[in-house]
């Protein structure tokens, strides 16, 4: 599946934001309560699923953005450069 470059960049940034947000939430939760309070199995599984999904999104959208950038470079190289004109003295 191909996505456009702006969509790939947006998806990458969105997934990174979700990943960082969940990681910070986990750190703040740990620092405020420690390991004394245990979460339910359902919440732990949902955190793990969201983190894994955001990591998969980072990989997918990052790869798509790199492919679009490579296509842009490839087309820029294939375009002939204008020849410089000689000036008359």
PDB file of N, CA and C in Angstrom:
ATOM      1  N   UNK A   1       0.842  -1.175   0.000  1.00  0.00           N
ATOM      2  CA  UNK A   1       0.000   0.000   0.000  1.00  0.00           C
ATOM      3  C   UNK A   1       0.887   1.238   0.000  1.00  0.00           C
ATOM      4  N   UNK A   2       0.641   2.121  -0.947  1.00  0.00           N
ATOM      5  CA  UNK A   2       1.404   3.347  -1.017  1.00  0.00           C
ATOM      6  C   UNK A   2       0.571   4.503  -0.477  1.00  0.00           C
ATOM      7  N   UNK A   3       1.231   5.358   0.264  1.00  0.00           N
ATOM      8  CA  UNK A   3       0.589   6.577   0.750  1.00  0.00           C
ATOM      9  C   UNK A   3       1.407   7.768   0.263  1.00  0.00           C
ATOM     10  N   UNK A   4       0.780   8.906   0.208  1.00  0.00           N
ATOM     11  CA  UNK A   4       1.483  10.104  -0.244  1.00  0.00           C
ATOM     12  C   UNK A   4       2.499  10.534   0.811  1.00  0.00           C
ATOM     13  N   UNK A   5       3.427  11.366   0.379  1.00  0.00           N
ATOM     14  CA  UNK A   5       4.467  11.812   1.297  1.00  0.00           C
ATOM     15  C   UNK A   5       3.902  12.606   2.482  1.00  0.00           C
ATOM     16  N   UNK A   6       2.978  13.550   2.275  1.00  0.00           N
ATOM     17  CA  UNK A   6       2.424  14.267   3.436  1.00  0.00           C
ATOM     18  C   UNK A   6       1.687  13.340   4.404  1.00  0.00           C
ATOM     19  N   UNK A   7       0.971  12.344   3.853  1.00  0.00           N
ATOM     20  CA  UNK A   7       0.267  11.396   4.722  1.00  0.00           C
ATOM     21  C   UNK A   7       1.253  10.516   5.480  1.00  0.00           C
ATOM     22  N   UNK A   8       2.349  10.133   4.835  1.00  0.00           N
ATOM     23  CA  UNK A   8       3.371   9.320   5.497  1.00  0.00           C
ATOM     24  C   UNK A   8       4.026  10.106   6.634  1.00  0.00           C
ATOM     25  N   UNK A   9       4.304  11.365   6.388  1.00  0.00           N
ATOM     26  CA  UNK A   9       4.926  12.189   7.430  1.00  0.00           C
ATOM     27  C   UNK A   9       3.946  12.409   8.584  1.00  0.00           C
ATOM     28  N   UNK A  10       2.663  12.672   8.261  1.00  0.00           N
ATOM     29  CA  UNK A  10       1.665  12.843   9.305  1.00  0.00           C
ATOM     30  C   UNK A  10       1.502  11.562  10.123  1.00  0.00           C
ATOM     31  N   UNK A  11       1.398  10.416   9.447  1.00  0.00           N
ATOM     32  CA  UNK A  11       1.253   9.136  10.151  1.00  0.00           C
ATOM     33  C   UNK A  11       2.442   8.833  11.032  1.00  0.00           C
ATOM     34  N   UNK A  12       3.640   9.132  10.548  1.00  0.00           N
ATOM     35  CA  UNK A  12       4.849   8.921  11.340  1.00  0.00           C
ATOM     36  C   UNK A  12       4.824   9.778  12.600  1.00  0.00           C
ATOM     37  N   UNK A  13       4.522  11.048  12.437  1.00  0.00           N
ATOM     38  CA  UNK A  13       4.489  11.952  13.596  1.00  0.00           C
ATOM     39  C   UNK A  13       3.379  11.566  14.569  1.00  0.00           C
ATOM     40  N   UNK A  14       2.229  11.150  14.054  1.00  0.00           N
ATOM     41  CA  UNK A  14       1.126  10.737  14.911  1.00  0.00           C
ATOM     42  C   UNK A  14       1.516   9.510  15.741  1.00  0.00           C
ATOM     43  N   UNK A  15       2.122   8.523  15.099  1.00  0.00           N
ATOM     44  CA  UNK A  15       2.527   7.306  15.815  1.00  0.00           C
ATOM     45  C   UNK A  15       3.618   7.588  16.838  1.00  0.00           C
ATOM     46  N   UNK A  16       4.548   8.464  16.497  1.00  0.00           N
ATOM     47  CA  UNK A  16       5.597   8.838  17.462  1.00  0.00           C
ATOM     48  C   UNK A  16       4.976   9.547  18.657  1.00  0.00           C
ATOM     49  N   UNK A  17       4.010  10.420  18.411  1.00  0.00           N
ATOM     50  CA  UNK A  17       3.343  11.132  19.501  1.00  0.00           C
ATOM     51  C   UNK A  17       2.613  10.167  20.429  1.00  0.00           C
ATOM     52  N   UNK A  18       1.906   9.198  19.863  1.00  0.00           N
ATOM     53  CA  UNK A  18       1.206   8.194  20.670  1.00  0.00           C
ATOM     54  C   UNK A  18       2.209   7.380  21.488  1.00  0.00           C
ATOM     55  N   UNK A  19       3.294   6.957  20.861  1.00  0.00           N
ATOM     56  CA  UNK A  19       4.310   6.158  21.546  1.00  0.00           C
ATOM     57  C   UNK A  19       4.932   6.931  22.710  1.00  0.00           C
ATOM     58  N   UNK A  20       5.337   8.155  22.448  1.00  0.00           N
ATOM     59  CA  UNK A  20       5.961   8.967  23.500  1.00  0.00           C
ATOM     60  C   UNK A  20       4.959   9.260  24.615  1.00  0.00           C
ATOM     61  N   UNK A  21       3.713   9.544  24.248  1.00  0.00           N
ATOM     62  CA  UNK A  21       2.686   9.807  25.259  1.00  0.00           C
ATOM     63  C   UNK A  21       2.442   8.612  26.165  1.00  0.00           C
ATOM     64  N   UNK A  22       2.340   7.421  25.594  1.00  0.00           N
ATOM     65  CA  UNK A  22       2.134   6.223  26.409  1.00  0.00           C
ATOM     66  C   UNK A  22       3.346   5.925  27.293  1.00  0.00           C
ATOM     67  N   UNK A  23       4.535   6.146  26.760  1.00  0.00           N
ATOM     68  CA  UNK A  23       5.743   5.927  27.565  1.00  0.00           C
ATOM     69  C   UNK A  23       5.817   6.914  28.729  1.00  0.00           C
ATOM     70  N   UNK A  24       5.521   8.184  28.456  1.00  0.00           N
ATOM     71  CA  UNK A  24       5.535   9.180  29.534  1.00  0.00           C
ATOM     72  C   UNK A  24       4.454   8.898  30.570  1.00  0.00           C
ATOM     73  N   UNK A  25       3.282   8.454  30.109  1.00  0.00           N
ATOM     74  CA  UNK A  25       2.219   8.102  31.039  1.00  0.00           C
ATOM     75  C   UNK A  25       2.660   6.961  31.955  1.00  0.00           C
ATOM     76  N   UNK A  26       3.319   5.970  31.384  1.00  0.00           N
ATOM     77  CA  UNK A  26       3.822   4.861  32.190  1.00  0.00           C
ATOM     78  C   UNK A  26       4.866   5.301  33.194  1.00  0.00           C
ATOM     79  N   UNK A  27       5.759   6.195  32.793  1.00  0.00           N
ATOM     80  CA  UNK A  27       6.795   6.687  33.705  1.00  0.00           C
ATOM     81  C   UNK A  27       6.179   7.502  34.829  1.00  0.00           C
ATOM     82  N   UNK A  28       5.254   8.405  34.494  1.00  0.00           N
ATOM     83  CA  UNK A  28       4.601   9.224  35.523  1.00  0.00           C
ATOM     84  C   UNK A  28       3.798   8.344  36.472  1.00  0.00           C
ATOM     85  N   UNK A  29       3.110   7.363  35.959  1.00  0.00           N
ATOM     86  CA  UNK A  29       2.344   6.444  36.799  1.00  0.00           C
ATOM     87  C   UNK A  29       3.272   5.677  37.739  1.00  0.00           C
ATOM     88  N   UNK A  30       4.405   5.242  37.227  1.00  0.00           N
ATOM     89  CA  UNK A  30       5.371   4.514  38.047  1.00  0.00           C
ATOM     90  C   UNK A  30       5.965   5.420  39.124  1.00  0.00           C
ATOM     91  N   UNK A  31       6.314   6.659  38.746  1.00  0.00           N
ATOM     92  CA  UNK A  31       6.923   7.568  39.718  1.00  0.00           C
ATOM     93  C   UNK A  31       5.940   8.004  40.804  1.00  0.00           C
ATOM     94  N   UNK A  32       4.673   8.117  40.465  1.00  0.00           N
ATOM     95  CA  UNK A  32       3.708   8.582  41.457  1.00  0.00           C
ATOM     96  C   UNK A  32       3.217   7.447  42.359  1.00  0.00           C
ATOM     97  N   UNK A  33       3.090   6.241  41.833  1.00  0.00           N
ATOM     98  CA  UNK A  33       2.531   5.150  42.627  1.00  0.00           C
ATOM     99  C   UNK A  33       3.495   3.995  42.844  1.00  0.00           C
ATOM    100  N   UNK A  34       4.544   3.933  42.055  1.00  0.00           N
ATOM    101  CA  UNK A  34       5.472   2.826  42.182  1.00  0.00           C
ATOM    102  C   UNK A  34       4.846   1.527  41.716  1.00  0.00           C
ATOM    103  N   UNK A  35       5.348   0.438  42.217  1.00  0.00           N
ATOM    104  CA  UNK A  35       4.828  -0.868  41.822  1.00  0.00           C
ATOM    105  C   UNK A  35       3.810  -1.406  42.815  1.00  0.00           C
ATOM    106  N   UNK A  36       3.358  -0.559  43.749  1.00  0.00           N
ATOM    107  CA  UNK A  36       2.415  -1.019  44.758  1.00  0.00           C
ATOM    108  C   UNK A  36       1.048  -1.334  44.157  1.00  0.00           C
ATOM    109  N   UNK A  37       0.625  -0.529  43.232  1.00  0.00           N
ATOM    110  CA  UNK A  37      -0.680  -0.738  42.612  1.00  0.00           C
ATOM    111  C   UNK A  37      -0.492  -1.515  41.318  1.00  0.00           C
ATOM    112  N   UNK A  38      -1.178  -2.614  41.188  1.00  0.00           N
ATOM    113  CA  UNK A  38      -1.069  -3.376  39.939  1.00  0.00           C
ATOM    114  C   UNK A  38      -2.289  -3.098  39.079  1.00  0.00           C
ATOM    115  N   UNK A  39      -2.060  -2.950  37.794  1.00  0.00           N
ATOM    116  CA  UNK A  39      -3.160  -2.734  36.853  1.00  0.00           C
ATOM    117  C   UNK A  39      -3.822  -4.059  36.525  1.00  0.00           C
ATOM    118  N   UNK A  40      -5.000  -3.959  35.978  1.00  0.00           N
ATOM    119  CA  UNK A  40      -5.696  -5.174  35.568  1.00  0.00           C
ATOM    120  C   UNK A  40      -5.024  -5.742  34.324  1.00  0.00           C
ATOM    121  N   UNK A  41      -5.273  -6.979  34.068  1.00  0.00           N
ATOM    122  CA  UNK A  41      -4.694  -7.638  32.898  1.00  0.00           C
ATOM    123  C   UNK A  41      -5.172  -6.974  31.613  1.00  0.00           C
ATOM    124  N   UNK A  42      -6.433  -6.557  31.590  1.00  0.00           N
ATOM    125  CA  UNK A  42      -6.976  -5.906  30.404  1.00  0.00           C
ATOM    126  C   UNK A  42      -6.250  -4.593  30.094  1.00  0.00           C
ATOM    127  N   UNK A  43      -5.969  -3.793  31.115  1.00  0.00           N
ATOM    128  CA  UNK A  43      -5.283  -2.517  30.861  1.00  0.00           C
ATOM    129  C   UNK A  43      -3.836  -2.743  30.452  1.00  0.00           C
ATOM    130  N   UNK A  44      -3.173  -3.742  31.041  1.00  0.00           N
ATOM    131  CA  UNK A  44      -1.791  -4.027  30.638  1.00  0.00           C
ATOM    132  C   UNK A  44      -1.729  -4.509  29.197  1.00  0.00           C
ATOM    133  N   UNK A  45      -2.672  -5.341  28.798  1.00  0.00           N
ATOM    134  CA  UNK A  45      -2.699  -5.842  27.428  1.00  0.00           C
ATOM    135  C   UNK A  45      -3.010  -4.707  26.454  1.00  0.00           C
ATOM    136  N   UNK A  46      -3.932  -3.823  26.828  1.00  0.00           N
ATOM    137  CA  UNK A  46      -4.264  -2.706  25.937  1.00  0.00           C
ATOM    138  C   UNK A  46      -3.079  -1.751  25.790  1.00  0.00           C
ATOM    139  N   UNK A  47      -2.332  -1.475  26.876  1.00  0.00           N
ATOM    140  CA  UNK A  47      -1.121  -0.650  26.770  1.00  0.00           C
ATOM    141  C   UNK A  47      -0.129  -1.304  25.831  1.00  0.00           C
ATOM    142  N   UNK A  48       0.072  -2.601  25.992  1.00  0.00           N
ATOM    143  CA  UNK A  48       1.027  -3.309  25.141  1.00  0.00           C
ATOM    144  C   UNK A  48       0.598  -3.286  23.682  1.00  0.00           C
ATOM    145  N   UNK A  49      -0.693  -3.446  23.418  1.00  0.00           N
ATOM    146  CA  UNK A  49      -1.183  -3.425  22.039  1.00  0.00           C
ATOM    147  C   UNK A  49      -1.000  -2.040  21.421  1.00  0.00           C
ATOM    148  N   UNK A  50      -1.332  -0.989  22.169  1.00  0.00           N
ATOM    149  CA  UNK A  50      -1.170   0.367  21.643  1.00  0.00           C
ATOM    150  C   UNK A  50       0.297   0.701  21.396  1.00  0.00           C
ATOM    151  N   UNK A  51       1.171   0.282  22.280  1.00  0.00           N
ATOM    152  CA  UNK A  51       2.598   0.548  22.094  1.00  0.00           C
ATOM    153  C   UNK A  51       3.119  -0.214  20.883  1.00  0.00           C
ATOM    154  N   UNK A  52       2.756  -1.480  20.743  1.00  0.00           N
ATOM    155  CA  UNK A  52       3.210  -2.254  19.586  1.00  0.00           C
ATOM    156  C   UNK A  52       2.627  -1.717  18.287  1.00  0.00           C
ATOM    157  N   UNK A  53       1.370  -1.294  18.321  1.00  0.00           N
ATOM    158  CA  UNK A  53       0.758  -0.723  17.117  1.00  0.00           C
ATOM    159  C   UNK A  53       1.427   0.591  16.728  1.00  0.00           C
ATOM    160  N   UNK A  54       1.773   1.410  17.709  1.00  0.00           N
ATOM    161  CA  UNK A  54       2.442   2.667  17.378  1.00  0.00           C
ATOM    162  C   UNK A  54       3.849   2.406  16.846  1.00  0.00           C
ATOM    163  N   UNK A  55       4.530   1.399  17.375  1.00  0.00           N
ATOM    164  CA  UNK A  55       5.853   1.048  16.845  1.00  0.00           C
ATOM    165  C   UNK A  55       5.746   0.535  15.412  1.00  0.00           C
ATOM    166  N   UNK A  56       4.728  -0.271  15.128  1.00  0.00           N
ATOM    167  CA  UNK A  56       4.517  -0.759  13.762  1.00  0.00           C
ATOM    168  C   UNK A  56       4.185   0.406  12.827  1.00  0.00           C
ATOM    169  N   UNK A  57       3.397   1.367  13.303  1.00  0.00           N
ATOM    170  CA  UNK A  57       3.085   2.551  12.499  1.00  0.00           C
ATOM    171  C   UNK A  57       4.311   3.399  12.225  1.00  0.00           C
ATOM    172  N   UNK A  58       5.178   3.521  13.213  1.00  0.00           N
ATOM    173  CA  UNK A  58       6.429   4.263  13.023  1.00  0.00           C
ATOM    174  C   UNK A  58       7.252   3.603  11.927  1.00  0.00           C
ATOM    175  N   UNK A  59       7.364   2.282  11.977  1.00  0.00           N
ATOM    176  CA  UNK A  59       8.135   1.559  10.954  1.00  0.00           C
ATOM    177  C   UNK A  59       7.502   1.707   9.577  1.00  0.00           C
ATOM    178  N   UNK A  60       6.198   1.505   9.490  1.00  0.00           N
ATOM    179  CA  UNK A  60       5.514   1.560   8.193  1.00  0.00           C
ATOM    180  C   UNK A  60       5.574   2.954   7.584  1.00  0.00           C
ATOM    181  N   UNK A  61       5.161   3.970   8.342  1.00  0.00           N
ATOM    182  CA  UNK A  61       5.117   5.315   7.785  1.00  0.00           C
ATOM    183  C   UNK A  61       6.517   5.883   7.556  1.00  0.00           C
ATOM    184  N   UNK A  62       7.484   5.492   8.380  1.00  0.00           N
ATOM    185  CA  UNK A  62       8.866   5.910   8.143  1.00  0.00           C
ATOM    186  C   UNK A  62       9.398   5.338   6.845  1.00  0.00           C
ATOM    187  N   UNK A  63       9.099   4.063   6.581  1.00  0.00           N
ATOM    188  CA  UNK A  63       9.532   3.427   5.339  1.00  0.00           C
ATOM    189  C   UNK A  63       8.855   4.086   4.134  1.00  0.00           C
ATOM    190  N   UNK A  64       7.581   4.383   4.255  1.00  0.00           N
ATOM    191  CA  UNK A  64       6.860   5.036   3.158  1.00  0.00           C
ATOM    192  C   UNK A  64       7.415   6.432   2.879  1.00  0.00           C
ATOM    193  N   UNK A  65       7.722   7.191   3.926  1.00  0.00           N
ATOM    194  CA  UNK A  65       8.284   8.530   3.734  1.00  0.00           C
ATOM    195  C   UNK A  65       9.654   8.440   3.067  1.00  0.00           C
ATOM    196  N   UNK A  66      10.458   7.467   3.458  1.00  0.00           N
ATOM    197  CA  UNK A  66      11.772   7.282   2.836  1.00  0.00           C
ATOM    198  C   UNK A  66      11.637   6.907   1.366  1.00  0.00           C
ATOM    199  N   UNK A  67      10.672   6.070   1.034  1.00  0.00           N
ATOM    200  CA  UNK A  67      10.461   5.688  -0.368  1.00  0.00           C
ATOM    201  C   UNK A  67      10.013   6.873  -1.202  1.00  0.00           C
ATOM    202  N   UNK A  68       9.124   7.722  -0.664  1.00  0.00           N
ATOM    203  CA  UNK A  68       8.688   8.905  -1.407  1.00  0.00           C
ATOM    204  C   UNK A  68       9.855   9.867  -1.616  1.00  0.00           C
ATOM    205  N   UNK A  69      10.703  10.024  -0.597  1.00  0.00           N
ATOM    206  CA  UNK A  69      11.863  10.905  -0.712  1.00  0.00           C
ATOM    207  C   UNK A  69      12.827  10.353  -1.767  1.00  0.00           C
ATOM    208  N   UNK A  70      13.027   9.032  -1.791  1.00  0.00           N
ATOM    209  CA  UNK A  70      13.908   8.421  -2.789  1.00  0.00           C
ATOM    210  C   UNK A  70      13.340   8.601  -4.196  1.00  0.00           C
ATOM    211  N   UNK A  71      12.016   8.500  -4.344  1.00  0.00           N
ATOM    212  CA  UNK A  71      11.401   8.724  -5.656  1.00  0.00           C
ATOM    213  C   UNK A  71      11.601  10.166  -6.116  1.00  0.00           C
ATOM    214  N   UNK A  72      11.487  11.114  -5.188  1.00  0.00           N
ATOM    215  CA  UNK A  72      11.707  12.521  -5.547  1.00  0.00           C
ATOM    216  C   UNK A  72      13.146  12.743  -6.001  1.00  0.00           C
ATOM    217  N   UNK A  73      14.083  12.141  -5.304  1.00  0.00           N
ATOM    218  CA  UNK A  73      15.495  12.300  -5.669  1.00  0.00           C
ATOM    219  C   UNK A  73      15.750  11.648  -7.022  1.00  0.00           C
ATOM    220  N   UNK A  74      15.170  10.465  -7.244  1.00  0.00           N
ATOM    221  CA  UNK A  74      15.348   9.764  -8.512  1.00  0.00           C
ATOM    222  C   UNK A  74      14.813  10.583  -9.678  1.00  0.00           C
ATOM    223  N   UNK A  75      13.649  11.203  -9.509  1.00  0.00           N
ATOM    224  CA  UNK A  75      13.091  12.013 -10.596  1.00  0.00           C
ATOM    225  C   UNK A  75      13.883  13.295 -10.793  1.00  0.00           C
ATOM    226  N   UNK A  76      14.452  13.833  -9.723  1.00  0.00           N
ATOM    227  CA  UNK A  76      15.264  15.049  -9.851  1.00  0.00           C
ATOM    228  C   UNK A  76      16.559  14.755 -10.598  1.00  0.00           C
ATOM    229  N   UNK A  77      17.113  13.576 -10.408  1.00  0.00           N
ATOM    230  CA  UNK A  77      18.354  13.203 -11.095  1.00  0.00           C
ATOM    231  C   UNK A  77      18.079  12.957 -12.573  1.00  0.00           C
ATOM    232  N   UNK A  78      16.925  12.402 -12.899  1.00  0.00           N
ATOM    233  CA  UNK A  78      16.614  12.065 -14.282  1.00  0.00           C
ATOM    234  C   UNK A  78      16.283  13.280 -15.131  1.00  0.00           C
ATOM    235  N   UNK A  79      15.904  14.387 -14.519  1.00  0.00           N
ATOM    236  CA  UNK A  79      15.591  15.590 -15.291  1.00  0.00           C
ATOM    237  C   UNK A  79      16.886  16.167 -15.859  1.00  0.00           C
ATOM    238  N   UNK A  80      16.899  16.491 -17.142  1.00  0.00           N
ATOM    239  CA  UNK A  80      18.125  17.072 -17.711  1.00  0.00           C
ATOM    240  C   UNK A  80      18.310  18.505 -17.217  1.00  0.00           C
ATOM    241  N   UNK A  81      19.536  18.821 -16.923  1.00  0.00           N
ATOM    242  CA  UNK A  81      19.858  20.171 -16.479  1.00  0.00           C
ATOM    243  C   UNK A  81      19.934  21.090 -17.687  1.00  0.00           C
ATOM    244  N   UNK A  82      19.474  22.328 -17.544  1.00  0.00           N
ATOM    245  CA  UNK A  82      19.566  23.253 -18.680  1.00  0.00           C
ATOM    246  C   UNK A  82      21.032  23.570 -18.970  1.00  0.00           C
ATOM    247  N   UNK A  83      21.361  23.595 -20.259  1.00  0.00           N
ATOM    248  CA  UNK A  83      22.748  23.882 -20.636  1.00  0.00           C
ATOM    249  C   UNK A  83      23.013  25.382 -20.491  1.00  0.00           C
ATOM    250  N   UNK A  84      24.185  25.706 -20.001  1.00  0.00           N
ATOM    251  CA  UNK A  84      24.487  27.136 -19.837  1.00  0.00           C
ATOM    252  C   UNK A  84      24.699  27.778 -21.212  1.00  0.00           C
ATOM    253  N   UNK A  85      24.138  28.959 -21.367  1.00  0.00           N
ATOM    254  CA  UNK A  85      24.256  29.673 -22.638  1.00  0.00           C
ATOM    255  C   UNK A  85      25.538  30.488 -22.629  1.00  0.00           C
ATOM    256  N   UNK A  86      26.172  30.514 -23.791  1.00  0.00           N
ATOM    257  CA  UNK A  86      27.406  31.297 -23.914  1.00  0.00           C
ATOM    258  C   UNK A  86      27.026  32.742 -24.200  1.00  0.00           C
ATOM    259  N   UNK A  87      27.703  33.633 -23.487  1.00  0.00           N
ATOM    260  CA  UNK A  87      27.456  35.060 -23.695  1.00  0.00           C
ATOM    261  C   UNK A  87      28.405  35.594 -24.739  1.00  0.00           C
ATOM    262  N   UNK A  88      27.911  36.484 -25.549  1.00  0.00           N
ATOM    263  CA  UNK A  88      28.746  37.130 -26.576  1.00  0.00           C
ATOM    264  C   UNK A  88      29.453  38.322 -25.948  1.00  0.00           C
ATOM    265  N   UNK A  89      30.711  38.469 -26.253  1.00  0.00           N
ATOM    266  CA  UNK A  89      31.488  39.603 -25.728  1.00  0.00           C
ATOM    267  C   UNK A  89      31.445  40.774 -26.635  1.00  0.00           C
TER     268      UNK A  89
END
